[in-house]
Every structure is written in C-alpha cells, then in structure tokens.
Amino acid sequence: MERIIAYFRKHGGYALMKELKAASFQTRDIARLLKEGAIIKVKPGLYRVANVGEMVLPLPKMKGSGSTISQEIIDVCKALPDGVICLASALAFYDLTTFNPSEIYVAIPNAAKVPKIDFPPLRVFYFRERFYKPGIERIEVPNCTIKIYSKEKTICDMFRYRNKYGEDLALEGLKTYLSRKEANVNKLRKYAGICQVKTVMMPYLKALVKQ
C-alpha cells in the first residue's frame, strides 16, 4: 500500500488506472485504498492521493489575485484538459467578488463531452468558439496546467451571463477591478466587444471611470 501512495506522490499526487496497472499494482489494492479514503476518484480512470493538500504558488503575472490555487481547481483541470475556470470561480480567484461559489465554474468548447466527475461539484458552461478561445491565461503547477480566463474576460463574461446570475455580481467585479492600479480600460473594451456586451457594459464603465 505504501508503494502505491509513494507512486502517487512521485507523480504529483495523481495517477491513471492504466498507469497503476502498468506499474504492476493490483486493482484490489487500489480499490482498498479508495475505500479507506487514502485516494480519491476524480473521474473514471483518474485518481489522486487524498492528503495532497493545497499548492501555494507565487503568481507574478496574476497580480491582485490570491496566491493559493485550491486542490478542487487542480482536480478539475486535471480531469478536463480543455476546461477553463470561468465566471464566478474566476471572479473569486481574482478576489473581485465577495461571493464564494459552492461549485467550480468551468467552460468547455461547445461540442465537447464532459466525463462523469465524482468530486468536486461542477457547473459546466458550453462556450461557442468565439467566446471560448479569447482571454485564456495559463498557470503552470506541478504536473498540471491551470487554464483560467483573464480578469477582463471574466468581467465581460459575467455581463454576458447577467440575466442568469444578476447584474449585481458583474458590477461588483467591474467596480473592484477598476479600483486597482493594474486596471486596463482598453482591455475591458476589447473583451466587451468579443463578448458582445458593449451596449450594456459601456455606460457603467464610462460612469465608473469618471468617478
């Protein structure tokens, strides 16, 4: 059992079932560790060690965000290589809202299929290509790439989903962003155009910039 856990730790806390079998580990031993809670099933065929903990990273290109990436976000990005952390989850990551979502919000391409993920709870959004591709930031962590939309794209996406989640959340994100030194109005205008929210967002932007 200790050899299996050591294998997980050597590979960043994650392992595929086919990799475990190739390393000559028995499925009954893996099942036992799963039952005991020593490992967790992220999705069919993908497992991680339970006490891997949170990965605390310096994020020099992500000023204004917290420096801790939750294990749940890493799990999602491992399970969904095309997934991009979006909307309320991205807003919370950048500390642009006081709202703490109980699910991980993730965007995937419109035609993609999502495997059954046991944990963490997900809210999946199917973005058409013109909304999916722009504004993706990448954060490298051991054995994983975290994909998340930029602050500016996230705010504009919140306005795009304002009828579903309310304009208040989008406005909170916009106001908080504009209060920071790194705020870039030109980038906001750019993504407002891409997200097709210029008509609704620009009056707020103009009013807030004048304050």
C-alpha atoms as a PDB file:
ATOM      1  CA  MET A   1       0.000   0.000   0.000  1.00  0.00           C
ATOM      2  CA  GLU A   2       2.801   2.384   0.867  1.00  0.00           C
ATOM      3  CA  ARG A   3       4.370   1.722  -2.543  1.00  0.00           C
ATOM      4  CA  ILE A   4       1.163   2.798  -4.276  1.00  0.00           C
ATOM      5  CA  ILE A   5       0.939   6.018  -2.240  1.00  0.00           C
ATOM      6  CA  ALA A   6       4.624   6.677  -2.962  1.00  0.00           C
ATOM      7  CA  TYR A   7       3.878   6.261  -6.676  1.00  0.00           C
ATOM      8  CA  PHE A   8       1.122   8.874  -6.440  1.00  0.00           C
ATOM      9  CA  ARG A   9       3.378  11.349  -4.646  1.00  0.00           C
ATOM     10  CA  LYS A  10       6.163  10.816  -7.161  1.00  0.00           C
ATOM     11  CA  HIS A  11       3.738  11.754  -9.940  1.00  0.00           C
ATOM     12  CA  GLY A  12       2.349  14.934  -8.378  1.00  0.00           C
ATOM     13  CA  GLY A  13      -0.407  13.210  -6.401  1.00  0.00           C
ATOM     14  CA  TYR A  14      -2.299  11.890  -9.457  1.00  0.00           C
ATOM     15  CA  ALA A  15      -2.327   8.653 -11.418  1.00  0.00           C
ATOM     16  CA  LEU A  16      -4.352   6.985 -14.150  1.00  0.00           C
ATOM     17  CA  MET A  17      -5.592   3.442 -13.579  1.00  0.00           C
ATOM     18  CA  LYS A  18      -3.763   2.283 -16.699  1.00  0.00           C
ATOM     19  CA  GLU A  19      -0.524   3.746 -15.285  1.00  0.00           C
ATOM     20  CA  LEU A  20      -1.050   1.967 -11.967  1.00  0.00           C
ATOM     21  CA  LYS A  21      -1.666  -1.329 -13.732  1.00  0.00           C
ATOM     22  CA  ALA A  22       1.419  -0.798 -15.907  1.00  0.00           C
ATOM     23  CA  ALA A  23       3.404  -0.317 -12.684  1.00  0.00           C
ATOM     24  CA  SER A  24       2.177  -3.806 -11.592  1.00  0.00           C
ATOM     25  CA  PHE A  25      -0.115  -2.607  -8.799  1.00  0.00           C
ATOM     26  CA  GLN A  26      -3.150  -4.790  -8.091  1.00  0.00           C
ATOM     27  CA  THR A  27      -6.648  -3.385  -8.682  1.00  0.00           C
ATOM     28  CA  ARG A  28      -7.808  -4.898  -5.362  1.00  0.00           C
ATOM     29  CA  ASP A  29      -5.175  -2.844  -3.513  1.00  0.00           C
ATOM     30  CA  ILE A  30      -6.230   0.304  -5.352  1.00  0.00           C
ATOM     31  CA  ALA A  31      -9.877  -0.446  -4.504  1.00  0.00           C
ATOM     32  CA  ARG A  32      -8.924  -0.884  -0.838  1.00  0.00           C
ATOM     33  CA  LEU A  33      -7.110   2.471  -0.722  1.00  0.00           C
ATOM     34  CA  LEU A  34     -10.142   4.065  -2.352  1.00  0.00           C
ATOM     35  CA  LYS A  35     -12.488   2.522   0.229  1.00  0.00           C
ATOM     36  CA  GLU A  36     -10.235   3.636   3.084  1.00  0.00           C
ATOM     37  CA  GLY A  37     -10.157   7.203   1.732  1.00  0.00           C
ATOM     38  CA  ALA A  38      -6.403   7.217   1.129  1.00  0.00           C
ATOM     39  CA  ILE A  39      -7.021   8.004  -2.544  1.00  0.00           C
ATOM     40  CA  ILE A  40      -9.899   9.802  -4.269  1.00  0.00           C
ATOM     41  CA  LYS A  41     -11.549   9.045  -7.597  1.00  0.00           C
ATOM     42  CA  VAL A  42     -11.618  12.271  -9.615  1.00  0.00           C
ATOM     43  CA  LYS A  43     -13.214  10.737 -12.716  1.00  0.00           C
ATOM     44  CA  PRO A  44     -13.318   7.246 -14.231  1.00  0.00           C
ATOM     45  CA  GLY A  45      -9.700   6.141 -14.586  1.00  0.00           C
ATOM     46  CA  LEU A  46      -8.158   9.140 -12.760  1.00  0.00           C
ATOM     47  CA  TYR A  47      -7.249   9.127  -9.057  1.00  0.00           C
ATOM     48  CA  ARG A  48      -5.354  11.333  -6.631  1.00  0.00           C
ATOM     49  CA  VAL A  49      -3.922  10.872  -3.160  1.00  0.00           C
ATOM     50  CA  ALA A  50      -6.332  12.294  -0.568  1.00  0.00           C
ATOM     51  CA  ASN A  51      -3.974  14.412   1.535  1.00  0.00           C
ATOM     52  CA  VAL A  52      -2.065  16.084  -1.276  1.00  0.00           C
ATOM     53  CA  GLY A  53      -3.066  19.441   0.268  1.00  0.00           C
ATOM     54  CA  GLU A  54      -3.191  22.846  -1.377  1.00  0.00           C
ATOM     55  CA  MET A  55      -0.428  24.043  -3.671  1.00  0.00           C
ATOM     56  CA  VAL A  56       0.708  27.558  -2.769  1.00  0.00           C
ATOM     57  CA  LEU A  57       2.337  29.262  -5.722  1.00  0.00           C
ATOM     58  CA  PRO A  58       3.836  32.670  -6.467  1.00  0.00           C
ATOM     59  CA  LEU A  59       1.828  34.175  -9.319  1.00  0.00           C
ATOM     60  CA  PRO A  60       3.829  37.179 -10.564  1.00  0.00           C
ATOM     61  CA  LYS A  61       1.696  37.520 -13.711  1.00  0.00           C
ATOM     62  CA  MET A  62      -1.541  37.374 -11.720  1.00  0.00           C
ATOM     63  CA  LYS A  63      -1.273  40.476  -9.560  1.00  0.00           C
ATOM     64  CA  GLY A  64      -4.340  41.179  -7.500  1.00  0.00           C
ATOM     65  CA  SER A  65      -5.304  37.512  -7.146  1.00  0.00           C
ATOM     66  CA  GLY A  66      -4.787  35.224  -4.192  1.00  0.00           C
ATOM     67  CA  SER A  67      -1.682  33.072  -4.425  1.00  0.00           C
ATOM     68  CA  THR A  68      -3.401  29.834  -3.380  1.00  0.00           C
ATOM     69  CA  ILE A  69      -4.840  27.543  -6.016  1.00  0.00           C
ATOM     70  CA  SER A  70      -7.375  25.206  -4.423  1.00  0.00           C
ATOM     71  CA  GLN A  71      -6.999  21.481  -4.841  1.00  0.00           C
ATOM     72  CA  GLU A  72     -10.509  21.399  -6.325  1.00  0.00           C
ATOM     73  CA  ILE A  73      -9.450  23.670  -9.203  1.00  0.00           C
ATOM     74  CA  ILE A  74      -6.416  21.476  -9.869  1.00  0.00           C
ATOM     75  CA  ASP A  75      -8.647  18.383  -9.863  1.00  0.00           C
ATOM     76  CA  VAL A  76     -10.971  19.952 -12.417  1.00  0.00           C
ATOM     77  CA  CYS A  77      -8.135  20.992 -14.711  1.00  0.00           C
ATOM     78  CA  LYS A  78      -6.593  17.503 -14.491  1.00  0.00           C
ATOM     79  CA  ALA A  79      -9.930  15.874 -15.288  1.00  0.00           C
ATOM     80  CA  LEU A  80     -10.863  18.357 -18.047  1.00  0.00           C
ATOM     81  CA  PRO A  81      -7.767  19.363 -20.053  1.00  0.00           C
ATOM     82  CA  ASP A  82      -9.940  21.646 -22.240  1.00  0.00           C
ATOM     83  CA  GLY A  83     -11.713  23.163 -19.242  1.00  0.00           C
ATOM     84  CA  VAL A  84     -11.193  26.847 -18.423  1.00  0.00           C
ATOM     85  CA  ILE A  85     -12.057  28.228 -14.972  1.00  0.00           C
ATOM     86  CA  CYS A  86     -14.656  30.910 -15.639  1.00  0.00           C
ATOM     87  CA  LEU A  87     -17.355  33.264 -14.388  1.00  0.00           C
ATOM     88  CA  ALA A  88     -17.914  33.243 -10.588  1.00  0.00           C
ATOM     89  CA  SER A  89     -14.977  30.888  -9.895  1.00  0.00           C
ATOM     90  CA  ALA A  90     -12.568  33.078 -11.850  1.00  0.00           C
ATOM     91  CA  LEU A  91     -14.054  36.203 -10.262  1.00  0.00           C
ATOM     92  CA  ALA A  92     -13.452  34.702  -6.801  1.00  0.00           C
ATOM     93  CA  PHE A  93      -9.922  33.583  -7.717  1.00  0.00           C
ATOM     94  CA  TYR A  94      -9.001  37.165  -8.599  1.00  0.00           C
ATOM     95  CA  ASP A  95     -10.641  38.493  -5.407  1.00  0.00           C
ATOM     96  CA  LEU A  96     -13.059  40.528  -7.493  1.00  0.00           C
ATOM     97  CA  THR A  97     -16.118  39.425  -5.530  1.00  0.00           C
ATOM     98  CA  THR A  98     -17.204  38.570  -2.002  1.00  0.00           C
ATOM     99  CA  PHE A  99     -19.302  35.722  -3.429  1.00  0.00           C
ATOM    100  CA  ASN A 100     -17.889  32.257  -2.727  1.00  0.00           C
ATOM    101  CA  PRO A 101     -19.326  29.738  -5.217  1.00  0.00           C
ATOM    102  CA  SER A 102     -20.038  26.247  -3.891  1.00  0.00           C
ATOM    103  CA  GLU A 103     -19.218  24.741  -7.293  1.00  0.00           C
ATOM    104  CA  ILE A 104     -16.306  25.107  -9.677  1.00  0.00           C
ATOM    105  CA  TYR A 105     -17.450  27.037 -12.755  1.00  0.00           C
ATOM    106  CA  VAL A 106     -15.704  25.739 -15.850  1.00  0.00           C
ATOM    107  CA  ALA A 107     -16.102  26.486 -19.563  1.00  0.00           C
ATOM    108  CA  ILE A 108     -15.528  23.896 -22.272  1.00  0.00           C
ATOM    109  CA  PRO A 109     -15.894  24.030 -26.072  1.00  0.00           C
ATOM    110  CA  ASN A 110     -19.462  23.799 -27.279  1.00  0.00           C
ATOM    111  CA  ALA A 111     -19.102  20.354 -28.881  1.00  0.00           C
ATOM    112  CA  ALA A 112     -17.014  18.758 -26.092  1.00  0.00           C
ATOM    113  CA  LYS A 113     -18.216  15.975 -23.836  1.00  0.00           C
ATOM    114  CA  VAL A 114     -17.771  16.069 -20.053  1.00  0.00           C
ATOM    115  CA  PRO A 115     -16.857  12.824 -18.273  1.00  0.00           C
ATOM    116  CA  LYS A 116     -18.591  11.947 -15.010  1.00  0.00           C
ATOM    117  CA  ILE A 117     -16.604  13.685 -12.272  1.00  0.00           C
ATOM    118  CA  ASP A 118     -17.225  12.474  -8.731  1.00  0.00           C
ATOM    119  CA  PHE A 119     -15.616  15.434  -6.981  1.00  0.00           C
ATOM    120  CA  PRO A 120     -15.578  18.425  -6.773  1.00  0.00           C
ATOM    121  CA  PRO A 121     -19.063  19.742  -7.677  1.00  0.00           C
ATOM    122  CA  LEU A 122     -19.016  21.338 -11.122  1.00  0.00           C
ATOM    123  CA  ARG A 123     -21.082  23.818 -13.073  1.00  0.00           C
ATOM    124  CA  VAL A 124     -20.211  23.366 -16.733  1.00  0.00           C
ATOM    125  CA  PHE A 125     -20.725  26.043 -19.388  1.00  0.00           C
ATOM    126  CA  TYR A 126     -20.573  25.228 -23.084  1.00  0.00           C
ATOM    127  CA  PHE A 127     -18.944  28.200 -24.831  1.00  0.00           C
ATOM    128  CA  ARG A 128     -19.049  28.662 -28.571  1.00  0.00           C
ATOM    129  CA  GLU A 129     -15.586  29.018 -30.106  1.00  0.00           C
ATOM    130  CA  ARG A 130     -15.703  32.812 -30.370  1.00  0.00           C
ATOM    131  CA  PHE A 131     -16.373  33.030 -26.624  1.00  0.00           C
ATOM    132  CA  TYR A 132     -14.221  30.071 -25.559  1.00  0.00           C
ATOM    133  CA  LYS A 133     -10.811  30.858 -27.082  1.00  0.00           C
ATOM    134  CA  PRO A 134     -10.123  34.530 -26.202  1.00  0.00           C
ATOM    135  CA  GLY A 135      -8.641  35.558 -22.863  1.00  0.00           C
ATOM    136  CA  ILE A 136      -7.301  32.228 -21.588  1.00  0.00           C
ATOM    137  CA  GLU A 137      -4.471  32.546 -19.046  1.00  0.00           C
ATOM    138  CA  ARG A 138      -2.276  29.564 -18.152  1.00  0.00           C
ATOM    139  CA  ILE A 139      -0.737  28.869 -14.750  1.00  0.00           C
ATOM    140  CA  GLU A 140       1.774  26.041 -14.575  1.00  0.00           C
ATOM    141  CA  VAL A 141       1.696  23.873 -11.459  1.00  0.00           C
ATOM    142  CA  PRO A 142       3.453  20.518 -10.996  1.00  0.00           C
ATOM    143  CA  ASN A 143       2.011  18.011 -13.492  1.00  0.00           C
ATOM    144  CA  CYS A 144      -0.866  20.291 -14.482  1.00  0.00           C
ATOM    145  CA  THR A 145      -1.733  23.459 -16.397  1.00  0.00           C
ATOM    146  CA  ILE A 146      -4.456  25.603 -14.855  1.00  0.00           C
ATOM    147  CA  LYS A 147      -6.459  27.422 -17.513  1.00  0.00           C
ATOM    148  CA  ILE A 148      -8.486  30.406 -16.351  1.00  0.00           C
ATOM    149  CA  TYR A 149      -9.941  33.426 -18.121  1.00  0.00           C
ATOM    150  CA  SER A 150      -8.249  36.780 -17.560  1.00  0.00           C
ATOM    151  CA  LYS A 151      -9.800  39.338 -15.238  1.00  0.00           C
ATOM    152  CA  GLU A 152     -11.086  41.416 -18.138  1.00  0.00           C
ATOM    153  CA  LYS A 153     -12.604  38.449 -19.994  1.00  0.00           C
ATOM    154  CA  THR A 154     -14.164  37.184 -16.754  1.00  0.00           C
ATOM    155  CA  ILE A 155     -15.882  40.511 -16.052  1.00  0.00           C
ATOM    156  CA  CYS A 156     -17.264  40.653 -19.577  1.00  0.00           C
ATOM    157  CA  ASP A 157     -18.447  37.049 -19.339  1.00  0.00           C
ATOM    158  CA  MET A 158     -20.274  37.982 -16.132  1.00  0.00           C
ATOM    159  CA  PHE A 159     -22.122  40.690 -18.044  1.00  0.00           C
ATOM    160  CA  ARG A 160     -22.864  38.160 -20.781  1.00  0.00           C
ATOM    161  CA  TYR A 161     -24.486  35.920 -18.156  1.00  0.00           C
ATOM    162  CA  ARG A 162     -26.111  38.804 -16.246  1.00  0.00           C
ATOM    163  CA  ASN A 163     -29.646  37.549 -16.907  1.00  0.00           C
ATOM    164  CA  LYS A 164     -28.784  34.234 -15.244  1.00  0.00           C
ATOM    165  CA  TYR A 165     -26.686  35.420 -12.302  1.00  0.00           C
ATOM    166  CA  GLY A 166     -27.740  39.030 -11.934  1.00  0.00           C
ATOM    167  CA  GLU A 167     -26.082  42.277 -12.889  1.00  0.00           C
ATOM    168  CA  ASP A 168     -25.001  42.947  -9.284  1.00  0.00           C
ATOM    169  CA  LEU A 169     -22.251  40.308  -9.406  1.00  0.00           C
ATOM    170  CA  ALA A 170     -20.927  41.637 -12.707  1.00  0.00           C
ATOM    171  CA  LEU A 171     -20.970  45.220 -11.381  1.00  0.00           C
ATOM    172  CA  GLU A 172     -19.165  44.208  -8.189  1.00  0.00           C
ATOM    173  CA  GLY A 173     -16.423  42.635 -10.290  1.00  0.00           C
ATOM    174  CA  LEU A 174     -16.168  45.680 -12.548  1.00  0.00           C
ATOM    175  CA  LYS A 175     -16.014  48.171  -9.666  1.00  0.00           C
ATOM    176  CA  THR A 176     -13.402  46.156  -7.765  1.00  0.00           C
ATOM    177  CA  TYR A 177     -11.288  45.726 -10.893  1.00  0.00           C
ATOM    178  CA  LEU A 178     -11.368  49.452 -11.712  1.00  0.00           C
ATOM    179  CA  SER A 179     -10.249  50.297  -8.163  1.00  0.00           C
ATOM    180  CA  ARG A 180      -6.926  48.528  -8.761  1.00  0.00           C
ATOM    181  CA  LYS A 181      -3.750  50.005 -10.202  1.00  0.00           C
ATOM    182  CA  GLU A 182      -3.473  47.331 -12.893  1.00  0.00           C
ATOM    183  CA  ALA A 183      -6.948  48.098 -14.292  1.00  0.00           C
ATOM    184  CA  ASN A 184      -6.849  48.349 -18.075  1.00  0.00           C
ATOM    185  CA  VAL A 185      -9.884  50.043 -19.629  1.00  0.00           C
ATOM    186  CA  ASN A 186      -8.726  49.262 -23.173  1.00  0.00           C
ATOM    187  CA  LYS A 187      -8.666  45.532 -22.401  1.00  0.00           C
ATOM    188  CA  LEU A 188     -12.165  45.777 -20.942  1.00  0.00           C
ATOM    189  CA  ARG A 189     -13.406  47.458 -24.119  1.00  0.00           C
ATOM    190  CA  LYS A 190     -11.724  44.774 -26.226  1.00  0.00           C
ATOM    191  CA  TYR A 191     -13.377  41.888 -24.376  1.00  0.00           C
ATOM    192  CA  ALA A 192     -16.703  43.710 -24.142  1.00  0.00           C
ATOM    193  CA  GLY A 193     -16.683  43.613 -27.948  1.00  0.00           C
ATOM    194  CA  ILE A 194     -15.671  39.953 -28.072  1.00  0.00           C
ATOM    195  CA  CYS A 195     -18.355  39.001 -25.541  1.00  0.00           C
ATOM    196  CA  GLN A 196     -20.947  41.182 -27.281  1.00  0.00           C
ATOM    197  CA  VAL A 197     -21.787  43.178 -24.147  1.00  0.00           C
ATOM    198  CA  LYS A 198     -20.640  46.663 -25.188  1.00  0.00           C
ATOM    199  CA  THR A 199     -24.163  48.081 -25.231  1.00  0.00           C
ATOM    200  CA  VAL A 200     -24.918  47.065 -21.652  1.00  0.00           C
ATOM    201  CA  MET A 201     -21.445  47.397 -20.133  1.00  0.00           C
ATOM    202  CA  MET A 202     -20.053  50.623 -21.612  1.00  0.00           C
ATOM    203  CA  PRO A 203     -22.437  53.004 -19.798  1.00  0.00           C
ATOM    204  CA  TYR A 204     -21.334  51.511 -16.467  1.00  0.00           C
ATOM    205  CA  LEU A 205     -17.687  51.663 -17.490  1.00  0.00           C
ATOM    206  CA  LYS A 206     -17.889  55.314 -18.536  1.00  0.00           C
ATOM    207  CA  ALA A 207     -19.692  56.293 -15.341  1.00  0.00           C
ATOM    208  CA  LEU A 208     -17.235  54.480 -13.085  1.00  0.00           C
ATOM    209  CA  VAL A 209     -14.122  55.768 -14.854  1.00  0.00           C
ATOM    210  CA  LYS A 210     -15.335  59.359 -14.379  1.00  0.00           C
ATOM    211  CA  GLN A 211     -15.692  58.917 -10.609  1.00  0.00           C
END
